[in-house]
Amino acid sequence: MNKKIILGLAAIGIALLLAFSGAPLAQENKVTVKELMENKTTYMDKTVQAMGIIKEDSVEPTQNGMKFTLRDKDDPSIQIQVTTDKTGGPIKSDEGKTVQATGKLVSENSFEASQLDIGCKNDYTEGVGQN
C-alpha cells in the first residue's frame, strides 16, 4: 500500500479518536445540586455543570456580578450558593427556573459560575444561553 494512503488513514484515525474521546467527559461532568453536595471532595475545584433551580427571592447583586441560591430539583432542602460575574439579562425574573451553571465548587457551600444557561421551570433539557 502507498505510504501516503497509510499516513492519511492513520491521521484520520487519530483525528476521530481525539474527537470522540472528549464526548463522554462532557456528559460525566453534568451533575445535579444533590450529586454535587454529596460528592464535594470529588468535584472540589473541578469544572462541572451543576443543574438545579434558582431559589425564589435569592438573586442579589454583588460588587462584581450577582449571587443566588441554586436548589436541587427533587429535594429543595439541598442548596448551594452560586456567585458569578455575569450581569447581563433579567435573572431576577428567572427565579424558579432551571439553570445549568458551569463553574467550580470553591468551598463547602460556594460555587463560582463562569456560564449560566437558564431554561424553563422544572425542565433541564430546554435552555436559552445567557452569558
N, C-alpha and C. Protein backbone atom coordinates (compact mmCIF):
# COMPACT_ATOMS: atom_id res chain seq x y z
N MET A 1 0.84 -1.17 0.00
CA MET A 1 0.00 0.00 0.00
C MET A 1 0.89 1.24 0.00
N ASN A 2 0.42 2.27 -0.60
CA ASN A 2 1.15 3.51 -0.72
C ASN A 2 1.33 4.15 0.67
N LYS A 3 2.53 4.67 0.95
CA LYS A 3 2.81 5.28 2.25
C LYS A 3 1.91 6.48 2.52
N LYS A 4 1.58 7.25 1.49
CA LYS A 4 0.72 8.42 1.67
C LYS A 4 -0.68 8.00 2.11
N ILE A 5 -1.18 6.91 1.56
CA ILE A 5 -2.51 6.42 1.95
C ILE A 5 -2.50 5.95 3.40
N ILE A 6 -1.46 5.21 3.77
CA ILE A 6 -1.35 4.72 5.15
C ILE A 6 -1.26 5.89 6.13
N LEU A 7 -0.44 6.87 5.81
CA LEU A 7 -0.32 8.05 6.68
C LEU A 7 -1.64 8.82 6.76
N GLY A 8 -2.33 8.93 5.64
CA GLY A 8 -3.62 9.61 5.62
C GLY A 8 -4.65 8.91 6.48
N LEU A 9 -4.72 7.58 6.36
CA LEU A 9 -5.66 6.80 7.17
C LEU A 9 -5.31 6.89 8.66
N ALA A 10 -4.03 6.87 8.96
CA ALA A 10 -3.60 7.00 10.35
C ALA A 10 -3.99 8.36 10.92
N ALA A 11 -3.81 9.41 10.12
CA ALA A 11 -4.17 10.76 10.56
C ALA A 11 -5.67 10.88 10.80
N ILE A 12 -6.46 10.30 9.91
CA ILE A 12 -7.92 10.31 10.07
C ILE A 12 -8.31 9.54 11.33
N GLY A 13 -7.69 8.40 11.55
CA GLY A 13 -7.98 7.60 12.74
C GLY A 13 -7.66 8.35 14.02
N ILE A 14 -6.53 9.02 14.05
CA ILE A 14 -6.15 9.80 15.23
C ILE A 14 -7.13 10.95 15.45
N ALA A 15 -7.51 11.63 14.38
CA ALA A 15 -8.46 12.74 14.49
C ALA A 15 -9.81 12.25 15.04
N LEU A 16 -10.29 11.12 14.55
CA LEU A 16 -11.55 10.57 15.04
C LEU A 16 -11.44 10.15 16.51
N LEU A 17 -10.33 9.56 16.87
CA LEU A 17 -10.12 9.15 18.26
C LEU A 17 -10.13 10.37 19.18
N LEU A 18 -9.46 11.43 18.80
CA LEU A 18 -9.44 12.65 19.60
C LEU A 18 -10.82 13.29 19.68
N ALA A 19 -11.55 13.29 18.58
CA ALA A 19 -12.87 13.91 18.54
C ALA A 19 -13.85 13.18 19.45
N PHE A 20 -13.83 11.87 19.44
CA PHE A 20 -14.79 11.10 20.22
C PHE A 20 -14.36 10.87 21.66
N SER A 21 -13.09 11.01 21.96
CA SER A 21 -12.64 10.78 23.33
C SER A 21 -13.11 11.87 24.28
N GLY A 22 -13.36 13.07 23.79
CA GLY A 22 -13.83 14.17 24.63
C GLY A 22 -15.32 14.13 24.91
N ALA A 23 -16.10 13.47 24.10
CA ALA A 23 -17.56 13.47 24.25
C ALA A 23 -18.03 12.88 25.58
N PRO A 24 -17.55 11.72 26.02
CA PRO A 24 -18.03 11.19 27.29
C PRO A 24 -17.66 12.07 28.48
N LEU A 25 -16.55 12.77 28.40
CA LEU A 25 -16.13 13.62 29.51
C LEU A 25 -17.13 14.73 29.77
N ALA A 26 -17.68 15.31 28.72
CA ALA A 26 -18.65 16.39 28.89
C ALA A 26 -19.90 15.87 29.60
N GLN A 27 -20.34 14.67 29.27
CA GLN A 27 -21.52 14.10 29.91
C GLN A 27 -21.26 13.78 31.38
N GLU A 28 -20.06 13.31 31.71
CA GLU A 28 -19.74 12.93 33.07
C GLU A 28 -19.70 14.13 34.00
N ASN A 29 -19.46 15.31 33.50
CA ASN A 29 -19.34 16.50 34.33
C ASN A 29 -20.66 17.21 34.57
N LYS A 30 -21.78 16.65 34.14
CA LYS A 30 -23.09 17.22 34.43
C LYS A 30 -23.61 16.57 35.70
N VAL A 31 -23.88 17.40 36.71
CA VAL A 31 -24.34 16.88 37.99
C VAL A 31 -25.51 17.71 38.51
N THR A 32 -26.35 17.08 39.30
CA THR A 32 -27.42 17.82 39.98
C THR A 32 -26.82 18.46 41.23
N VAL A 33 -27.56 19.38 41.82
CA VAL A 33 -27.10 20.01 43.06
C VAL A 33 -26.89 18.93 44.12
N LYS A 34 -27.79 17.96 44.18
CA LYS A 34 -27.67 16.88 45.16
C LYS A 34 -26.38 16.09 44.96
N GLU A 35 -26.08 15.71 43.71
CA GLU A 35 -24.85 14.97 43.43
C GLU A 35 -23.62 15.80 43.79
N LEU A 36 -23.67 17.08 43.49
CA LEU A 36 -22.55 17.97 43.79
C LEU A 36 -22.32 18.05 45.30
N MET A 37 -23.39 18.23 46.06
CA MET A 37 -23.26 18.38 47.50
C MET A 37 -22.89 17.07 48.21
N GLU A 38 -23.32 15.94 47.64
CA GLU A 38 -23.00 14.65 48.25
C GLU A 38 -21.58 14.19 47.91
N ASN A 39 -20.96 14.79 46.91
CA ASN A 39 -19.63 14.39 46.46
C ASN A 39 -18.69 15.59 46.38
N LYS A 40 -18.68 16.41 47.42
CA LYS A 40 -17.91 17.65 47.41
C LYS A 40 -16.43 17.43 47.14
N THR A 41 -15.85 16.41 47.77
CA THR A 41 -14.41 16.19 47.58
C THR A 41 -14.09 15.79 46.14
N THR A 42 -15.00 15.08 45.50
CA THR A 42 -14.79 14.67 44.11
C THR A 42 -14.80 15.87 43.17
N TYR A 43 -15.69 16.82 43.42
CA TYR A 43 -15.89 17.94 42.50
C TYR A 43 -15.18 19.23 42.90
N MET A 44 -14.56 19.28 44.07
CA MET A 44 -13.91 20.50 44.54
C MET A 44 -12.86 20.97 43.54
N ASP A 45 -12.94 22.22 43.14
CA ASP A 45 -12.00 22.88 42.22
C ASP A 45 -11.96 22.25 40.82
N LYS A 46 -13.00 21.50 40.46
CA LYS A 46 -13.08 20.93 39.11
C LYS A 46 -14.25 21.58 38.38
N THR A 47 -14.09 21.80 37.08
CA THR A 47 -15.16 22.41 36.30
C THR A 47 -16.27 21.39 36.07
N VAL A 48 -17.49 21.76 36.47
CA VAL A 48 -18.66 20.91 36.30
C VAL A 48 -19.84 21.77 35.83
N GLN A 49 -20.87 21.10 35.37
CA GLN A 49 -22.13 21.75 35.00
C GLN A 49 -23.15 21.33 36.05
N ALA A 50 -23.43 22.23 36.98
CA ALA A 50 -24.37 21.95 38.06
C ALA A 50 -25.77 22.34 37.63
N MET A 51 -26.71 21.40 37.73
CA MET A 51 -28.09 21.65 37.31
C MET A 51 -29.00 21.73 38.52
N GLY A 52 -29.81 22.78 38.56
CA GLY A 52 -30.74 22.95 39.66
C GLY A 52 -31.75 24.04 39.33
N ILE A 53 -32.44 24.52 40.35
CA ILE A 53 -33.47 25.54 40.19
C ILE A 53 -33.08 26.76 41.00
N ILE A 54 -33.23 27.94 40.41
CA ILE A 54 -32.92 29.18 41.12
C ILE A 54 -33.98 29.38 42.20
N LYS A 55 -33.54 29.41 43.45
CA LYS A 55 -34.47 29.57 44.57
C LYS A 55 -35.14 30.94 44.51
N GLU A 56 -36.44 30.94 44.78
CA GLU A 56 -37.22 32.18 44.79
C GLU A 56 -36.62 33.17 45.79
N ASP A 57 -36.60 34.44 45.43
CA ASP A 57 -36.13 35.54 46.28
C ASP A 57 -34.68 35.37 46.74
N SER A 58 -33.84 34.73 45.93
CA SER A 58 -32.45 34.54 46.34
C SER A 58 -31.46 35.33 45.49
N VAL A 59 -31.89 35.91 44.38
CA VAL A 59 -30.98 36.63 43.49
C VAL A 59 -30.65 37.99 44.09
N GLU A 60 -29.34 38.25 44.23
CA GLU A 60 -28.88 39.52 44.77
C GLU A 60 -27.70 40.02 43.95
N PRO A 61 -27.63 41.33 43.70
CA PRO A 61 -26.46 41.87 43.02
C PRO A 61 -25.26 41.87 43.97
N THR A 62 -24.08 41.73 43.40
CA THR A 62 -22.85 41.85 44.17
C THR A 62 -22.00 42.93 43.51
N GLN A 63 -20.88 43.24 44.12
CA GLN A 63 -20.00 44.26 43.56
C GLN A 63 -19.49 43.85 42.18
N ASN A 64 -19.28 42.54 41.98
CA ASN A 64 -18.71 42.05 40.72
C ASN A 64 -19.68 41.30 39.84
N GLY A 65 -20.95 41.24 40.19
CA GLY A 65 -21.92 40.48 39.39
C GLY A 65 -23.18 40.22 40.17
N MET A 66 -23.40 38.94 40.50
CA MET A 66 -24.59 38.59 41.28
C MET A 66 -24.37 37.26 41.98
N LYS A 67 -25.27 36.98 42.94
CA LYS A 67 -25.26 35.69 43.61
C LYS A 67 -26.70 35.23 43.76
N PHE A 68 -26.86 33.92 43.86
CA PHE A 68 -28.20 33.34 44.07
C PHE A 68 -28.04 31.95 44.65
N THR A 69 -29.14 31.42 45.14
CA THR A 69 -29.14 30.07 45.68
C THR A 69 -29.68 29.12 44.62
N LEU A 70 -28.94 28.05 44.39
CA LEU A 70 -29.36 27.00 43.46
C LEU A 70 -29.79 25.81 44.30
N ARG A 71 -31.03 25.36 44.09
CA ARG A 71 -31.55 24.23 44.87
C ARG A 71 -31.73 23.02 43.97
N ASP A 72 -31.72 21.85 44.60
CA ASP A 72 -31.92 20.61 43.86
C ASP A 72 -33.37 20.52 43.36
N LYS A 73 -33.54 19.97 42.19
CA LYS A 73 -34.87 19.84 41.58
C LYS A 73 -35.79 18.95 42.41
N ASP A 74 -35.26 17.84 42.91
CA ASP A 74 -36.09 16.87 43.61
C ASP A 74 -36.13 17.06 45.12
N ASP A 75 -35.10 17.70 45.68
CA ASP A 75 -35.04 17.92 47.13
C ASP A 75 -34.67 19.38 47.39
N PRO A 76 -35.67 20.26 47.51
CA PRO A 76 -35.42 21.69 47.68
C PRO A 76 -34.58 22.05 48.90
N SER A 77 -34.43 21.13 49.86
CA SER A 77 -33.62 21.43 51.04
C SER A 77 -32.13 21.37 50.73
N ILE A 78 -31.75 20.76 49.61
CA ILE A 78 -30.34 20.70 49.22
C ILE A 78 -30.05 21.89 48.33
N GLN A 79 -29.14 22.77 48.81
CA GLN A 79 -28.90 24.04 48.14
C GLN A 79 -27.42 24.38 48.14
N ILE A 80 -27.05 25.28 47.22
CA ILE A 80 -25.69 25.80 47.18
C ILE A 80 -25.75 27.26 46.74
N GLN A 81 -24.84 28.06 47.28
CA GLN A 81 -24.75 29.47 46.92
C GLN A 81 -23.90 29.59 45.66
N VAL A 82 -24.44 30.27 44.65
CA VAL A 82 -23.73 30.47 43.37
C VAL A 82 -23.38 31.94 43.23
N THR A 83 -22.13 32.21 42.89
CA THR A 83 -21.70 33.57 42.56
C THR A 83 -21.23 33.58 41.12
N THR A 84 -21.43 34.70 40.45
CA THR A 84 -20.99 34.83 39.07
C THR A 84 -20.68 36.29 38.78
N ASP A 85 -19.80 36.51 37.82
CA ASP A 85 -19.51 37.88 37.40
C ASP A 85 -20.42 38.30 36.27
N LYS A 86 -21.34 37.43 35.89
CA LYS A 86 -22.30 37.75 34.82
C LYS A 86 -23.33 38.74 35.34
N THR A 87 -23.60 39.75 34.55
CA THR A 87 -24.57 40.76 34.96
C THR A 87 -25.67 40.94 33.93
N GLY A 88 -25.50 40.38 32.74
CA GLY A 88 -26.48 40.57 31.67
C GLY A 88 -27.75 39.78 31.89
N GLY A 89 -28.84 40.31 31.38
CA GLY A 89 -30.11 39.59 31.41
C GLY A 89 -30.88 39.78 32.69
N PRO A 90 -32.17 39.60 32.63
CA PRO A 90 -33.04 39.79 33.79
C PRO A 90 -33.14 38.54 34.65
N ILE A 91 -32.05 38.14 35.30
CA ILE A 91 -32.06 36.87 36.05
C ILE A 91 -33.06 36.90 37.20
N LYS A 92 -33.38 38.06 37.74
CA LYS A 92 -34.37 38.14 38.82
C LYS A 92 -35.69 37.52 38.38
N SER A 93 -36.04 37.72 37.12
CA SER A 93 -37.28 37.14 36.60
C SER A 93 -37.15 35.66 36.31
N ASP A 94 -35.93 35.12 36.44
CA ASP A 94 -35.70 33.70 36.18
C ASP A 94 -35.76 32.85 37.44
N GLU A 95 -36.08 33.46 38.59
CA GLU A 95 -36.21 32.68 39.82
C GLU A 95 -37.28 31.61 39.62
N GLY A 96 -37.00 30.41 40.11
CA GLY A 96 -37.91 29.29 39.95
C GLY A 96 -37.65 28.49 38.69
N LYS A 97 -36.77 28.98 37.84
CA LYS A 97 -36.45 28.26 36.60
C LYS A 97 -35.20 27.41 36.80
N THR A 98 -35.05 26.43 35.92
CA THR A 98 -33.87 25.59 35.98
C THR A 98 -32.68 26.35 35.40
N VAL A 99 -31.52 26.02 35.90
CA VAL A 99 -30.30 26.63 35.41
C VAL A 99 -29.21 25.56 35.37
N GLN A 100 -28.38 25.67 34.38
CA GLN A 100 -27.18 24.86 34.30
C GLN A 100 -26.03 25.83 34.48
N ALA A 101 -25.39 25.77 35.63
CA ALA A 101 -24.30 26.67 35.96
C ALA A 101 -22.98 25.95 35.76
N THR A 102 -22.18 26.44 34.82
CA THR A 102 -20.88 25.84 34.58
C THR A 102 -19.85 26.61 35.39
N GLY A 103 -19.08 25.90 36.19
CA GLY A 103 -18.08 26.55 37.02
C GLY A 103 -17.43 25.56 37.96
N LYS A 104 -16.98 26.08 39.13
CA LYS A 104 -16.24 25.25 40.08
C LYS A 104 -16.80 25.39 41.49
N LEU A 105 -16.81 24.26 42.19
CA LEU A 105 -17.11 24.25 43.61
C LEU A 105 -15.85 24.76 44.31
N VAL A 106 -15.94 25.91 44.98
CA VAL A 106 -14.74 26.52 45.56
C VAL A 106 -14.68 26.38 47.08
N SER A 107 -15.79 26.01 47.70
CA SER A 107 -15.80 25.71 49.13
C SER A 107 -17.00 24.81 49.41
N GLU A 108 -17.20 24.47 50.67
CA GLU A 108 -18.27 23.54 51.04
C GLU A 108 -19.64 23.92 50.48
N ASN A 109 -19.95 25.21 50.47
CA ASN A 109 -21.28 25.65 50.03
C ASN A 109 -21.23 26.79 49.04
N SER A 110 -20.14 26.90 48.28
CA SER A 110 -19.99 28.01 47.34
C SER A 110 -19.53 27.52 45.98
N PHE A 111 -20.25 27.94 44.95
CA PHE A 111 -19.98 27.55 43.57
C PHE A 111 -19.77 28.83 42.76
N GLU A 112 -18.65 28.94 42.05
CA GLU A 112 -18.38 30.09 41.20
C GLU A 112 -18.69 29.70 39.76
N ALA A 113 -19.69 30.36 39.17
CA ALA A 113 -20.14 30.04 37.82
C ALA A 113 -19.52 30.99 36.80
N SER A 114 -19.01 30.41 35.73
CA SER A 114 -18.47 31.20 34.62
C SER A 114 -19.48 31.31 33.49
N GLN A 115 -20.49 30.44 33.51
CA GLN A 115 -21.54 30.47 32.48
C GLN A 115 -22.86 30.01 33.09
N LEU A 116 -23.94 30.65 32.68
CA LEU A 116 -25.28 30.28 33.13
C LEU A 116 -26.16 30.00 31.92
N ASP A 117 -26.80 28.85 31.91
CA ASP A 117 -27.77 28.51 30.87
C ASP A 117 -29.10 28.33 31.58
N ILE A 118 -30.03 29.23 31.31
CA ILE A 118 -31.30 29.24 32.02
C ILE A 118 -32.40 28.71 31.12
N GLY A 119 -33.21 27.78 31.67
CA GLY A 119 -34.28 27.17 30.90
C GLY A 119 -35.64 27.47 31.47
N CYS A 120 -36.57 26.62 31.15
CA CYS A 120 -37.95 26.76 31.61
C CYS A 120 -38.08 26.14 33.00
N LYS A 121 -39.15 26.47 33.71
CA LYS A 121 -39.36 25.92 35.04
C LYS A 121 -39.38 24.39 34.98
N ASN A 122 -38.58 23.78 35.87
CA ASN A 122 -38.53 22.33 36.04
C ASN A 122 -38.24 21.56 34.76
N ASP A 123 -37.42 22.08 33.89
CA ASP A 123 -37.09 21.39 32.65
C ASP A 123 -35.61 21.57 32.37
N TYR A 124 -34.81 20.52 32.60
CA TYR A 124 -33.37 20.60 32.40
C TYR A 124 -32.98 20.55 30.93
N THR A 125 -33.85 20.12 30.05
CA THR A 125 -33.44 19.86 28.68
C THR A 125 -33.53 21.05 27.76
N GLU A 126 -34.43 21.99 28.01
CA GLU A 126 -34.55 23.14 27.13
C GLU A 126 -33.95 24.35 27.82
N GLY A 127 -33.00 25.00 27.16
CA GLY A 127 -32.38 26.15 27.79
C GLY A 127 -32.00 27.21 26.80
N VAL A 128 -31.97 28.41 27.27
CA VAL A 128 -31.51 29.54 26.48
C VAL A 128 -30.25 30.03 27.15
N GLY A 129 -29.15 30.07 26.41
CA GLY A 129 -27.88 30.50 26.98
C GLY A 129 -27.93 31.95 27.40
N GLN A 130 -27.29 32.24 28.51
CA GLN A 130 -27.23 33.61 28.99
C GLN A 130 -25.84 33.82 29.56
N ASN A 131 -25.03 34.59 28.87
CA ASN A 131 -23.66 34.82 29.31
C ASN A 131 -23.48 36.20 29.84
